[in-house]
C-alpha atoms as a PDB file:
ATOM      1  CA  MET A   1      12.239  21.183  18.935  1.00  0.00           C
ATOM      2  CA  ASP A   2      14.052  24.246  20.246  1.00  0.00           C
ATOM      3  CA  ARG A   3      17.618  25.258  19.363  1.00  0.00           C
ATOM      4  CA  ALA A   4      19.024  23.228  22.233  1.00  0.00           C
ATOM      5  CA  GLY A   5      17.385  20.081  20.865  1.00  0.00           C
ATOM      6  CA  ARG A   6      14.684  19.849  23.517  1.00  0.00           C
ATOM      7  CA  HIS A   7      11.116  18.843  22.675  1.00  0.00           C
ATOM      8  CA  GLY A   8       8.317  21.175  23.749  1.00  0.00           C
ATOM      9  CA  ALA A   9       5.233  20.030  25.631  1.00  0.00           C
ATOM     10  CA  GLY A  10       2.760  18.350  23.291  1.00  0.00           C
ATOM     11  CA  GLU A  11       5.164  18.397  20.353  1.00  0.00           C
ATOM     12  CA  LEU A  12       5.094  15.393  18.053  1.00  0.00           C
ATOM     13  CA  LYS A  13       8.096  13.241  18.884  1.00  0.00           C
ATOM     14  CA  ALA A  14       7.519  10.084  16.846  1.00  0.00           C
ATOM     15  CA  ILE A  15       5.254   8.342  14.386  1.00  0.00           C
ATOM     16  CA  VAL A  16       4.738   4.590  14.504  1.00  0.00           C
ATOM     17  CA  TRP A  17       3.736   2.778  11.321  1.00  0.00           C
ATOM     18  CA  ASP A  18       2.099  -0.593  11.909  1.00  0.00           C
ATOM     19  CA  MET A  19       1.843  -2.147   8.468  1.00  0.00           C
ATOM     20  CA  ASP A  20       1.707  -5.810   9.418  1.00  0.00           C
ATOM     21  CA  GLY A  21      -0.703  -5.982  12.318  1.00  0.00           C
ATOM     22  CA  THR A  22       1.822  -6.009  15.130  1.00  0.00           C
ATOM     23  CA  LEU A  23       0.017  -3.304  17.126  1.00  0.00           C
ATOM     24  CA  LEU A  24      -3.362  -3.267  15.383  1.00  0.00           C
ATOM     25  CA  ASP A  25      -5.199  -6.155  13.781  1.00  0.00           C
ATOM     26  CA  SER A  26      -5.714  -4.462  10.438  1.00  0.00           C
ATOM     27  CA  SER A  27      -7.390  -7.562   8.978  1.00  0.00           C
ATOM     28  CA  THR A  28     -10.571  -6.501  10.779  1.00  0.00           C
ATOM     29  CA  ALA A  29     -10.017  -2.806  11.493  1.00  0.00           C
ATOM     30  CA  VAL A  30      -9.528  -1.723   7.867  1.00  0.00           C
ATOM     31  CA  PRO A  31     -12.551  -3.538   6.413  1.00  0.00           C
ATOM     32  CA  ASP A  32     -14.671  -2.351   9.339  1.00  0.00           C
ATOM     33  CA  ALA A  33     -13.607   1.256   8.664  1.00  0.00           C
ATOM     34  CA  TYR A  34     -14.620   0.900   5.009  1.00  0.00           C
ATOM     35  CA  ILE A  35     -17.958  -0.668   6.000  1.00  0.00           C
ATOM     36  CA  THR A  36     -18.672   2.260   8.313  1.00  0.00           C
ATOM     37  CA  ALA A  37     -17.590   4.885   5.763  1.00  0.00           C
ATOM     38  CA  ILE A  38     -19.682   3.320   2.998  1.00  0.00           C
ATOM     39  CA  ALA A  39     -22.746   3.156   5.222  1.00  0.00           C
ATOM     40  CA  ARG A  40     -22.312   6.804   6.280  1.00  0.00           C
ATOM     41  CA  LEU A  41     -21.971   7.812   2.627  1.00  0.00           C
ATOM     42  CA  GLY A  42     -25.282   6.126   1.825  1.00  0.00           C
ATOM     43  CA  GLY A  43     -23.870   2.968   0.317  1.00  0.00           C
ATOM     44  CA  PRO A  44     -24.902  -0.657   0.669  1.00  0.00           C
ATOM     45  CA  SER A  45     -24.300  -2.897   3.660  1.00  0.00           C
ATOM     46  CA  LEU A  46     -21.186  -4.933   2.877  1.00  0.00           C
ATOM     47  CA  SER A  47     -19.246  -7.764   4.487  1.00  0.00           C
ATOM     48  CA  ARG A  48     -15.561  -7.736   5.382  1.00  0.00           C
ATOM     49  CA  GLU A  49     -15.020 -10.246   2.604  1.00  0.00           C
ATOM     50  CA  ALA A  50     -16.591  -7.877   0.041  1.00  0.00           C
ATOM     51  CA  ILE A  51     -14.219  -5.105   1.126  1.00  0.00           C
ATOM     52  CA  ILE A  52     -11.138  -7.332   1.067  1.00  0.00           C
ATOM     53  CA  ALA A  53     -12.090  -8.564  -2.408  1.00  0.00           C
ATOM     54  CA  VAL A  54     -11.631  -5.059  -3.860  1.00  0.00           C
ATOM     55  CA  TYR A  55      -8.252  -4.255  -2.238  1.00  0.00           C
ATOM     56  CA  SER A  56      -6.610  -4.949  -5.586  1.00  0.00           C
ATOM     57  CA  LEU A  57      -8.532  -2.105  -7.269  1.00  0.00           C
ATOM     58  CA  GLY A  58      -6.155   0.472  -5.838  1.00  0.00           C
ATOM     59  CA  PRO A  59      -6.267   3.484  -3.505  1.00  0.00           C
ATOM     60  CA  PRO A  60      -9.175   4.294  -1.171  1.00  0.00           C
ATOM     61  CA  ALA A  61     -10.934   6.697  -3.575  1.00  0.00           C
ATOM     62  CA  VAL A  62     -11.038   3.988  -6.264  1.00  0.00           C
ATOM     63  CA  MET A  63     -12.268   1.366  -3.823  1.00  0.00           C
ATOM     64  CA  LEU A  64     -14.946   3.674  -2.409  1.00  0.00           C
ATOM     65  CA  ALA A  65     -16.130   4.694  -5.878  1.00  0.00           C
ATOM     66  CA  HIS A  66     -16.446   1.041  -6.877  1.00  0.00           C
ATOM     67  CA  LEU A  67     -18.258   0.031  -3.684  1.00  0.00           C
ATOM     68  CA  LEU A  68     -20.579   3.070  -3.741  1.00  0.00           C
ATOM     69  CA  GLY A  69     -21.179   2.904  -7.483  1.00  0.00           C
ATOM     70  CA  ARG A  70     -20.284   6.572  -7.925  1.00  0.00           C
ATOM     71  CA  ALA A  71     -17.298   8.885  -7.886  1.00  0.00           C
ATOM     72  CA  VAL A  72     -15.911   9.940  -4.524  1.00  0.00           C
ATOM     73  CA  THR A  73     -13.288  12.599  -3.826  1.00  0.00           C
ATOM     74  CA  ILE A  74     -11.316  12.004  -0.644  1.00  0.00           C
ATOM     75  CA  GLY A  75     -11.149  15.300   1.250  1.00  0.00           C
ATOM     76  CA  SER A  76     -14.368  16.587  -0.340  1.00  0.00           C
ATOM     77  CA  ALA A  77     -17.117  18.158   1.741  1.00  0.00           C
ATOM     78  CA  GLU A  78     -18.937  14.835   1.434  1.00  0.00           C
ATOM     79  CA  CYS A  79     -16.080  12.805   2.948  1.00  0.00           C
ATOM     80  CA  THR A  80     -14.390  15.218   5.358  1.00  0.00           C
ATOM     81  CA  PRO A  81     -16.893  14.810   8.225  1.00  0.00           C
ATOM     82  CA  TYR A  82     -16.144  11.067   8.349  1.00  0.00           C
ATOM     83  CA  LEU A  83     -12.370  11.403   8.518  1.00  0.00           C
ATOM     84  CA  ARG A  84     -12.589  12.374  12.195  1.00  0.00           C
ATOM     85  CA  ALA A  85     -15.671  10.355  13.152  1.00  0.00           C
ATOM     86  CA  SER A  86     -15.241   7.671  15.756  1.00  0.00           C
END
């Protein structure tokens, strides 16, 4: 934003958090993202139900480590290529 309060072209103007599925059905999107990440990291083929069952373990790094059976560091060279993958 410039001194006059105007937004520049391409400048971030807002962030929308959709925590309850209003805009995105996270009940399928989140497990599917984990399934894809685990497969790309060389892990086993898992169901949505298997992913949902470990939500209570904690943050993504803990879940991934449990599902892969080894330690994982989010942001590591191993994981970074998959953060932008479609």
